[in-house]
Amino acid sequence: MRLGALGKELRIPIVAEGVETSEQAQQVRSLGVRYAQGWFYARAMTGDDCGWWLSNNLKGRTHEEAAASDFMGLT
């Protein structure tokens, strides 16, 4: 059973932490994990900075462009 399927079966969201490269992101996706965080996506930031980052990096994106954000659980 894939890790993402296990989390779904147990009703526990699985979050991959520390994703730093596209190869790691691909591996996490291949395991069926829907949520991830790490330097590959964005630097560490305060809550205020995070709100600014989200509003400025997601608005106006096409569905395909927002796919990575959906993968991170941000949409």
PDB file of N, CA and C in Angstrom:
ATOM      1  N   MET A   1       0.850  -1.178   0.000  1.00  0.00           N
ATOM      2  CA  MET A   1       0.000   0.000   0.000  1.00  0.00           C
ATOM      3  C   MET A   1       0.895   1.240   0.000  1.00  0.00           C
ATOM      4  N   ARG A   2       0.570   2.187  -0.883  1.00  0.00           N
ATOM      5  CA  ARG A   2       1.340   3.430  -0.940  1.00  0.00           C
ATOM      6  C   ARG A   2       1.097   4.243   0.324  1.00  0.00           C
ATOM      7  N   LEU A   3       2.063   5.060   0.686  1.00  0.00           N
ATOM      8  CA  LEU A   3       1.978   5.866   1.894  1.00  0.00           C
ATOM      9  C   LEU A   3       0.757   6.769   1.879  1.00  0.00           C
ATOM     10  N   GLY A   4       0.484   7.429   0.740  1.00  0.00           N
ATOM     11  CA  GLY A   4      -0.680   8.301   0.635  1.00  0.00           C
ATOM     12  C   GLY A   4      -1.980   7.535   0.843  1.00  0.00           C
ATOM     13  N   ALA A   5      -2.058   6.323   0.309  1.00  0.00           N
ATOM     14  CA  ALA A   5      -3.254   5.492   0.476  1.00  0.00           C
ATOM     15  C   ALA A   5      -3.428   5.087   1.933  1.00  0.00           C
ATOM     16  N   LEU A   6      -2.334   4.806   2.608  1.00  0.00           N
ATOM     17  CA  LEU A   6      -2.396   4.456   4.018  1.00  0.00           C
ATOM     18  C   LEU A   6      -2.946   5.626   4.834  1.00  0.00           C
ATOM     19  N   GLY A   7      -2.447   6.828   4.569  1.00  0.00           N
ATOM     20  CA  GLY A   7      -2.945   8.007   5.265  1.00  0.00           C
ATOM     21  C   GLY A   7      -4.423   8.224   5.008  1.00  0.00           C
ATOM     22  N   LYS A   8      -4.839   8.032   3.762  1.00  0.00           N
ATOM     23  CA  LYS A   8      -6.252   8.197   3.414  1.00  0.00           C
ATOM     24  C   LYS A   8      -7.099   7.166   4.142  1.00  0.00           C
ATOM     25  N   GLU A   9      -6.635   5.933   4.158  1.00  0.00           N
ATOM     26  CA  GLU A   9      -7.373   4.859   4.840  1.00  0.00           C
ATOM     27  C   GLU A   9      -7.515   5.159   6.335  1.00  0.00           C
ATOM     28  N   LEU A  10      -6.474   5.695   6.938  1.00  0.00           N
ATOM     29  CA  LEU A  10      -6.496   6.029   8.367  1.00  0.00           C
ATOM     30  C   LEU A  10      -7.082   7.416   8.647  1.00  0.00           C
ATOM     31  N   ARG A  11      -7.412   8.144   7.555  1.00  0.00           N
ATOM     32  CA  ARG A  11      -7.934   9.512   7.652  1.00  0.00           C
ATOM     33  C   ARG A  11      -6.946  10.436   8.356  1.00  0.00           C
ATOM     34  N   ILE A  12      -5.677  10.251   8.020  1.00  0.00           N
ATOM     35  CA  ILE A  12      -4.592  11.076   8.558  1.00  0.00           C
ATOM     36  C   ILE A  12      -3.854  11.701   7.381  1.00  0.00           C
ATOM     37  N   PRO A  13      -3.837  13.034   7.284  1.00  0.00           N
ATOM     38  CA  PRO A  13      -3.071  13.640   6.191  1.00  0.00           C
ATOM     39  C   PRO A  13      -1.574  13.408   6.385  1.00  0.00           C
ATOM     40  N   ILE A  14      -0.910  12.965   5.341  1.00  0.00           N
ATOM     41  CA  ILE A  14       0.528  12.737   5.370  1.00  0.00           C
ATOM     42  C   ILE A  14       1.208  13.963   4.768  1.00  0.00           C
ATOM     43  N   VAL A  15       2.219  14.496   5.465  1.00  0.00           N
ATOM     44  CA  VAL A  15       2.975  15.653   4.984  1.00  0.00           C
ATOM     45  C   VAL A  15       4.442  15.261   4.891  1.00  0.00           C
ATOM     46  N   ALA A  16       4.998  15.398   3.705  1.00  0.00           N
ATOM     47  CA  ALA A  16       6.427  15.156   3.515  1.00  0.00           C
ATOM     48  C   ALA A  16       7.160  16.438   3.887  1.00  0.00           C
ATOM     49  N   GLU A  17       8.087  16.350   4.797  1.00  0.00           N
ATOM     50  CA  GLU A  17       8.837  17.516   5.244  1.00  0.00           C
ATOM     51  C   GLU A  17      10.249  17.487   4.676  1.00  0.00           C
ATOM     52  N   GLY A  18      10.807  18.673   4.477  1.00  0.00           N
ATOM     53  CA  GLY A  18      12.196  18.781   4.071  1.00  0.00           C
ATOM     54  C   GLY A  18      12.452  18.486   2.607  1.00  0.00           C
ATOM     55  N   VAL A  19      11.458  18.685   1.742  1.00  0.00           N
ATOM     56  CA  VAL A  19      11.645  18.454   0.308  1.00  0.00           C
ATOM     57  C   VAL A  19      12.510  19.595  -0.243  1.00  0.00           C
ATOM     58  N   GLU A  20      13.672  19.250  -0.772  1.00  0.00           N
ATOM     59  CA  GLU A  20      14.629  20.265  -1.226  1.00  0.00           C
ATOM     60  C   GLU A  20      14.936  20.201  -2.722  1.00  0.00           C
ATOM     61  N   THR A  21      14.574  19.120  -3.403  1.00  0.00           N
ATOM     62  CA  THR A  21      14.894  18.989  -4.829  1.00  0.00           C
ATOM     63  C   THR A  21      13.671  18.500  -5.597  1.00  0.00           C
ATOM     64  N   SER A  22      13.680  18.708  -6.915  1.00  0.00           N
ATOM     65  CA  SER A  22      12.576  18.211  -7.732  1.00  0.00           C
ATOM     66  C   SER A  22      12.529  16.686  -7.701  1.00  0.00           C
ATOM     67  N   GLU A  23      13.674  16.038  -7.586  1.00  0.00           N
ATOM     68  CA  GLU A  23      13.707  14.577  -7.505  1.00  0.00           C
ATOM     69  C   GLU A  23      12.996  14.094  -6.245  1.00  0.00           C
ATOM     70  N   GLN A  24      13.230  14.782  -5.124  1.00  0.00           N
ATOM     71  CA  GLN A  24      12.538  14.416  -3.890  1.00  0.00           C
ATOM     72  C   GLN A  24      11.036  14.648  -4.016  1.00  0.00           C
ATOM     73  N   ALA A  25      10.649  15.755  -4.648  1.00  0.00           N
ATOM     74  CA  ALA A  25       9.227  16.053  -4.847  1.00  0.00           C
ATOM     75  C   ALA A  25       8.570  14.970  -5.698  1.00  0.00           C
ATOM     76  N   GLN A  26       9.251  14.535  -6.749  1.00  0.00           N
ATOM     77  CA  GLN A  26       8.709  13.468  -7.596  1.00  0.00           C
ATOM     78  C   GLN A  26       8.559  12.168  -6.812  1.00  0.00           C
ATOM     79  N   GLN A  27       9.523  11.864  -5.974  1.00  0.00           N
ATOM     80  CA  GLN A  27       9.456  10.642  -5.171  1.00  0.00           C
ATOM     81  C   GLN A  27       8.277  10.697  -4.203  1.00  0.00           C
ATOM     82  N   VAL A  28       8.084  11.846  -3.571  1.00  0.00           N
ATOM     83  CA  VAL A  28       6.969  12.019  -2.638  1.00  0.00           C
ATOM     84  C   VAL A  28       5.645  11.825  -3.379  1.00  0.00           C
ATOM     85  N   ARG A  29       5.514  12.434  -4.549  1.00  0.00           N
ATOM     86  CA  ARG A  29       4.288  12.273  -5.354  1.00  0.00           C
ATOM     87  C   ARG A  29       4.074  10.811  -5.729  1.00  0.00           C
ATOM     88  N   SER A  30       5.151  10.121  -6.086  1.00  0.00           N
ATOM     89  CA  SER A  30       5.020   8.718  -6.495  1.00  0.00           C
ATOM     90  C   SER A  30       4.543   7.831  -5.342  1.00  0.00           C
ATOM     91  N   LEU A  31       4.758   8.284  -4.128  1.00  0.00           N
ATOM     92  CA  LEU A  31       4.285   7.545  -2.949  1.00  0.00           C
ATOM     93  C   LEU A  31       2.835   7.860  -2.628  1.00  0.00           C
ATOM     94  N   GLY A  32       2.237   8.784  -3.402  1.00  0.00           N
ATOM     95  CA  GLY A  32       0.841   9.134  -3.189  1.00  0.00           C
ATOM     96  C   GLY A  32       0.622  10.166  -2.105  1.00  0.00           C
ATOM     97  N   VAL A  33       1.695  10.840  -1.703  1.00  0.00           N
ATOM     98  CA  VAL A  33       1.593  11.870  -0.671  1.00  0.00           C
ATOM     99  C   VAL A  33       1.159  13.173  -1.325  1.00  0.00           C
ATOM    100  N   ARG A  34       0.088  13.778  -0.790  1.00  0.00           N
ATOM    101  CA  ARG A  34      -0.485  14.971  -1.396  1.00  0.00           C
ATOM    102  C   ARG A  34       0.112  16.269  -0.858  1.00  0.00           C
ATOM    103  N   TYR A  35       0.641  16.275   0.341  1.00  0.00           N
ATOM    104  CA  TYR A  35       1.141  17.498   0.964  1.00  0.00           C
ATOM    105  C   TYR A  35       2.644  17.412   1.189  1.00  0.00           C
ATOM    106  N   ALA A  36       3.337  18.533   0.930  1.00  0.00           N
ATOM    107  CA  ALA A  36       4.784  18.570   1.130  1.00  0.00           C
ATOM    108  C   ALA A  36       5.202  19.991   1.463  1.00  0.00           C
ATOM    109  N   GLN A  37       6.336  20.106   2.111  1.00  0.00           N
ATOM    110  CA  GLN A  37       6.907  21.409   2.412  1.00  0.00           C
ATOM    111  C   GLN A  37       8.412  21.277   2.361  1.00  0.00           C
ATOM    112  N   GLY A  38       9.070  22.398   2.196  1.00  0.00           N
ATOM    113  CA  GLY A  38      10.524  22.401   2.188  1.00  0.00           C
ATOM    114  C   GLY A  38      11.077  23.505   1.311  1.00  0.00           C
ATOM    115  N   TRP A  39      12.389  23.615   1.304  1.00  0.00           N
ATOM    116  CA  TRP A  39      13.080  24.681   0.579  1.00  0.00           C
ATOM    117  C   TRP A  39      12.843  24.608  -0.924  1.00  0.00           C
ATOM    118  N   PHE A  40      12.454  23.447  -1.451  1.00  0.00           N
ATOM    119  CA  PHE A  40      12.146  23.334  -2.875  1.00  0.00           C
ATOM    120  C   PHE A  40      10.986  24.260  -3.246  1.00  0.00           C
ATOM    121  N   TYR A  41      10.056  24.438  -2.330  1.00  0.00           N
ATOM    122  CA  TYR A  41       8.862  25.241  -2.587  1.00  0.00           C
ATOM    123  C   TYR A  41       9.034  26.691  -2.145  1.00  0.00           C
ATOM    124  N   ALA A  42       9.607  26.900  -0.980  1.00  0.00           N
ATOM    125  CA  ALA A  42       9.776  28.264  -0.463  1.00  0.00           C
ATOM    126  C   ALA A  42      10.716  28.230   0.737  1.00  0.00           C
ATOM    127  N   ARG A  43      11.343  29.348   0.967  1.00  0.00           N
ATOM    128  CA  ARG A  43      12.230  29.486   2.130  1.00  0.00           C
ATOM    129  C   ARG A  43      11.391  29.498   3.408  1.00  0.00           C
ATOM    130  N   ALA A  44      12.026  29.323   4.531  1.00  0.00           N
ATOM    131  CA  ALA A  44      11.336  29.464   5.811  1.00  0.00           C
ATOM    132  C   ALA A  44      10.920  30.922   5.968  1.00  0.00           C
ATOM    133  N   MET A  45       9.714  31.151   6.513  1.00  0.00           N
ATOM    134  CA  MET A  45       9.226  32.528   6.639  1.00  0.00           C
ATOM    135  C   MET A  45       8.255  32.654   7.801  1.00  0.00           C
ATOM    136  N   THR A  46       8.019  33.884   8.205  1.00  0.00           N
ATOM    137  CA  THR A  46       7.062  34.159   9.276  1.00  0.00           C
ATOM    138  C   THR A  46       5.638  33.964   8.743  1.00  0.00           C
ATOM    139  N   GLY A  47       4.668  33.929   9.648  1.00  0.00           N
ATOM    140  CA  GLY A  47       3.274  33.813   9.248  1.00  0.00           C
ATOM    141  C   GLY A  47       2.838  34.962   8.363  1.00  0.00           C
ATOM    142  N   ASP A  48       3.236  36.192   8.703  1.00  0.00           N
ATOM    143  CA  ASP A  48       2.883  37.346   7.881  1.00  0.00           C
ATOM    144  C   ASP A  48       3.480  37.220   6.483  1.00  0.00           C
ATOM    145  N   ASP A  49       4.742  36.825   6.413  1.00  0.00           N
ATOM    146  CA  ASP A  49       5.386  36.650   5.113  1.00  0.00           C
ATOM    147  C   ASP A  49       4.711  35.540   4.311  1.00  0.00           C
ATOM    148  N   CYS A  50       4.260  34.502   4.991  1.00  0.00           N
ATOM    149  CA  CYS A  50       3.613  33.380   4.316  1.00  0.00           C
ATOM    150  C   CYS A  50       2.309  33.844   3.659  1.00  0.00           C
ATOM    151  N   GLY A  51       1.529  34.641   4.374  1.00  0.00           N
ATOM    152  CA  GLY A  51       0.293  35.175   3.792  1.00  0.00           C
ATOM    153  C   GLY A  51       0.578  35.985   2.545  1.00  0.00           C
ATOM    154  N   TRP A  52       1.601  36.825   2.611  1.00  0.00           N
ATOM    155  CA  TRP A  52       1.986  37.636   1.452  1.00  0.00           C
ATOM    156  C   TRP A  52       2.430  36.727   0.312  1.00  0.00           C
ATOM    157  N   TRP A  53       3.254  35.730   0.621  1.00  0.00           N
ATOM    158  CA  TRP A  53       3.771  34.814  -0.393  1.00  0.00           C
ATOM    159  C   TRP A  53       2.636  34.083  -1.098  1.00  0.00           C
ATOM    160  N   LEU A  54       1.693  33.564  -0.320  1.00  0.00           N
ATOM    161  CA  LEU A  54       0.572  32.841  -0.913  1.00  0.00           C
ATOM    162  C   LEU A  54      -0.247  33.731  -1.839  1.00  0.00           C
ATOM    163  N   SER A  55      -0.582  34.922  -1.376  1.00  0.00           N
ATOM    164  CA  SER A  55      -1.425  35.793  -2.201  1.00  0.00           C
ATOM    165  C   SER A  55      -0.692  36.247  -3.456  1.00  0.00           C
ATOM    166  N   ASN A  56       0.607  36.394  -3.407  1.00  0.00           N
ATOM    167  CA  ASN A  56       1.354  36.862  -4.563  1.00  0.00           C
ATOM    168  C   ASN A  56       1.830  35.749  -5.484  1.00  0.00           C
ATOM    169  N   ASN A  57       1.874  34.532  -5.005  1.00  0.00           N
ATOM    170  CA  ASN A  57       2.363  33.444  -5.842  1.00  0.00           C
ATOM    171  C   ASN A  57       1.272  32.549  -6.401  1.00  0.00           C
ATOM    172  N   LEU A  58       0.041  32.680  -5.947  1.00  0.00           N
ATOM    173  CA  LEU A  58      -1.033  31.835  -6.452  1.00  0.00           C
ATOM    174  C   LEU A  58      -2.019  32.584  -7.336  1.00  0.00           C
ATOM    175  N   LYS A  59      -2.152  33.881  -7.151  1.00  0.00           N
ATOM    176  CA  LYS A  59      -3.155  34.618  -7.923  1.00  0.00           C
ATOM    177  C   LYS A  59      -2.771  34.680  -9.398  1.00  0.00           C
ATOM    178  N   GLY A  60      -3.771  34.557 -10.239  1.00  0.00           N
ATOM    179  CA  GLY A  60      -3.557  34.653 -11.666  1.00  0.00           C
ATOM    180  C   GLY A  60      -2.916  33.446 -12.316  1.00  0.00           C
ATOM    181  N   ARG A  61      -2.747  32.365 -11.591  1.00  0.00           N
ATOM    182  CA  ARG A  61      -2.123  31.177 -12.172  1.00  0.00           C
ATOM    183  C   ARG A  61      -3.146  30.312 -12.886  1.00  0.00           C
ATOM    184  N   THR A  62      -2.711  29.667 -13.935  1.00  0.00           N
ATOM    185  CA  THR A  62      -3.565  28.703 -14.617  1.00  0.00           C
ATOM    186  C   THR A  62      -3.665  27.441 -13.762  1.00  0.00           C
ATOM    187  N   HIS A  63      -4.555  26.548 -14.149  1.00  0.00           N
ATOM    188  CA  HIS A  63      -4.706  25.294 -13.413  1.00  0.00           C
ATOM    189  C   HIS A  63      -3.395  24.513 -13.378  1.00  0.00           C
ATOM    190  N   GLU A  64      -2.705  24.475 -14.520  1.00  0.00           N
ATOM    191  CA  GLU A  64      -1.439  23.733 -14.590  1.00  0.00           C
ATOM    192  C   GLU A  64      -0.370  24.374 -13.708  1.00  0.00           C
ATOM    193  N   GLU A  65      -0.338  25.703 -13.709  1.00  0.00           N
ATOM    194  CA  GLU A  65       0.660  26.397 -12.898  1.00  0.00           C
ATOM    195  C   GLU A  65       0.386  26.231 -11.414  1.00  0.00           C
ATOM    196  N   ALA A  66      -0.872  26.088 -11.047  1.00  0.00           N
ATOM    197  CA  ALA A  66      -1.231  25.933  -9.635  1.00  0.00           C
ATOM    198  C   ALA A  66      -1.104  24.495  -9.169  1.00  0.00           C
ATOM    199  N   ALA A  67      -0.812  23.565 -10.068  1.00  0.00           N
ATOM    200  CA  ALA A  67      -0.748  22.154  -9.714  1.00  0.00           C
ATOM    201  C   ALA A  67       0.264  21.887  -8.595  1.00  0.00           C
ATOM    202  N   ALA A  68       1.402  22.552  -8.659  1.00  0.00           N
ATOM    203  CA  ALA A  68       2.396  22.348  -7.582  1.00  0.00           C
ATOM    204  C   ALA A  68       1.847  22.840  -6.266  1.00  0.00           C
ATOM    205  N   SER A  69       1.083  23.929  -6.286  1.00  0.00           N
ATOM    206  CA  SER A  69       0.486  24.431  -5.060  1.00  0.00           C
ATOM    207  C   SER A  69      -0.567  23.471  -4.546  1.00  0.00           C
ATOM    208  N   ASP A  70      -1.328  22.852  -5.451  1.00  0.00           N
ATOM    209  CA  ASP A  70      -2.314  21.862  -5.042  1.00  0.00           C
ATOM    210  C   ASP A  70      -1.596  20.682  -4.389  1.00  0.00           C
ATOM    211  N   PHE A  71      -0.455  20.295  -4.952  1.00  0.00           N
ATOM    212  CA  PHE A  71       0.341  19.220  -4.385  1.00  0.00           C
ATOM    213  C   PHE A  71       0.746  19.551  -2.952  1.00  0.00           C
ATOM    214  N   MET A  72       1.061  20.813  -2.702  1.00  0.00           N
ATOM    215  CA  MET A  72       1.462  21.216  -1.351  1.00  0.00           C
ATOM    216  C   MET A  72       0.267  21.391  -0.437  1.00  0.00           C
ATOM    217  N   GLY A  73      -0.959  21.257  -0.954  1.00  0.00           N
ATOM    218  CA  GLY A  73      -2.131  21.414  -0.106  1.00  0.00           C
ATOM    219  C   GLY A  73      -2.522  22.865   0.092  1.00  0.00           C
ATOM    220  N   LEU A  74      -2.130  23.738  -0.807  1.00  0.00           N
ATOM    221  CA  LEU A  74      -2.383  25.159  -0.622  1.00  0.00           C
ATOM    222  C   LEU A  74      -3.613  25.660  -1.352  1.00  0.00           C
ATOM    223  N   THR A  75      -4.250  24.825  -2.159  1.00  0.00           N
ATOM    224  CA  THR A  75      -5.433  25.290  -2.874  1.00  0.00           C
ATOM    225  C   THR A  75      -6.668  24.611  -2.376  1.00  0.00           C
TER     226      THR A  75
END
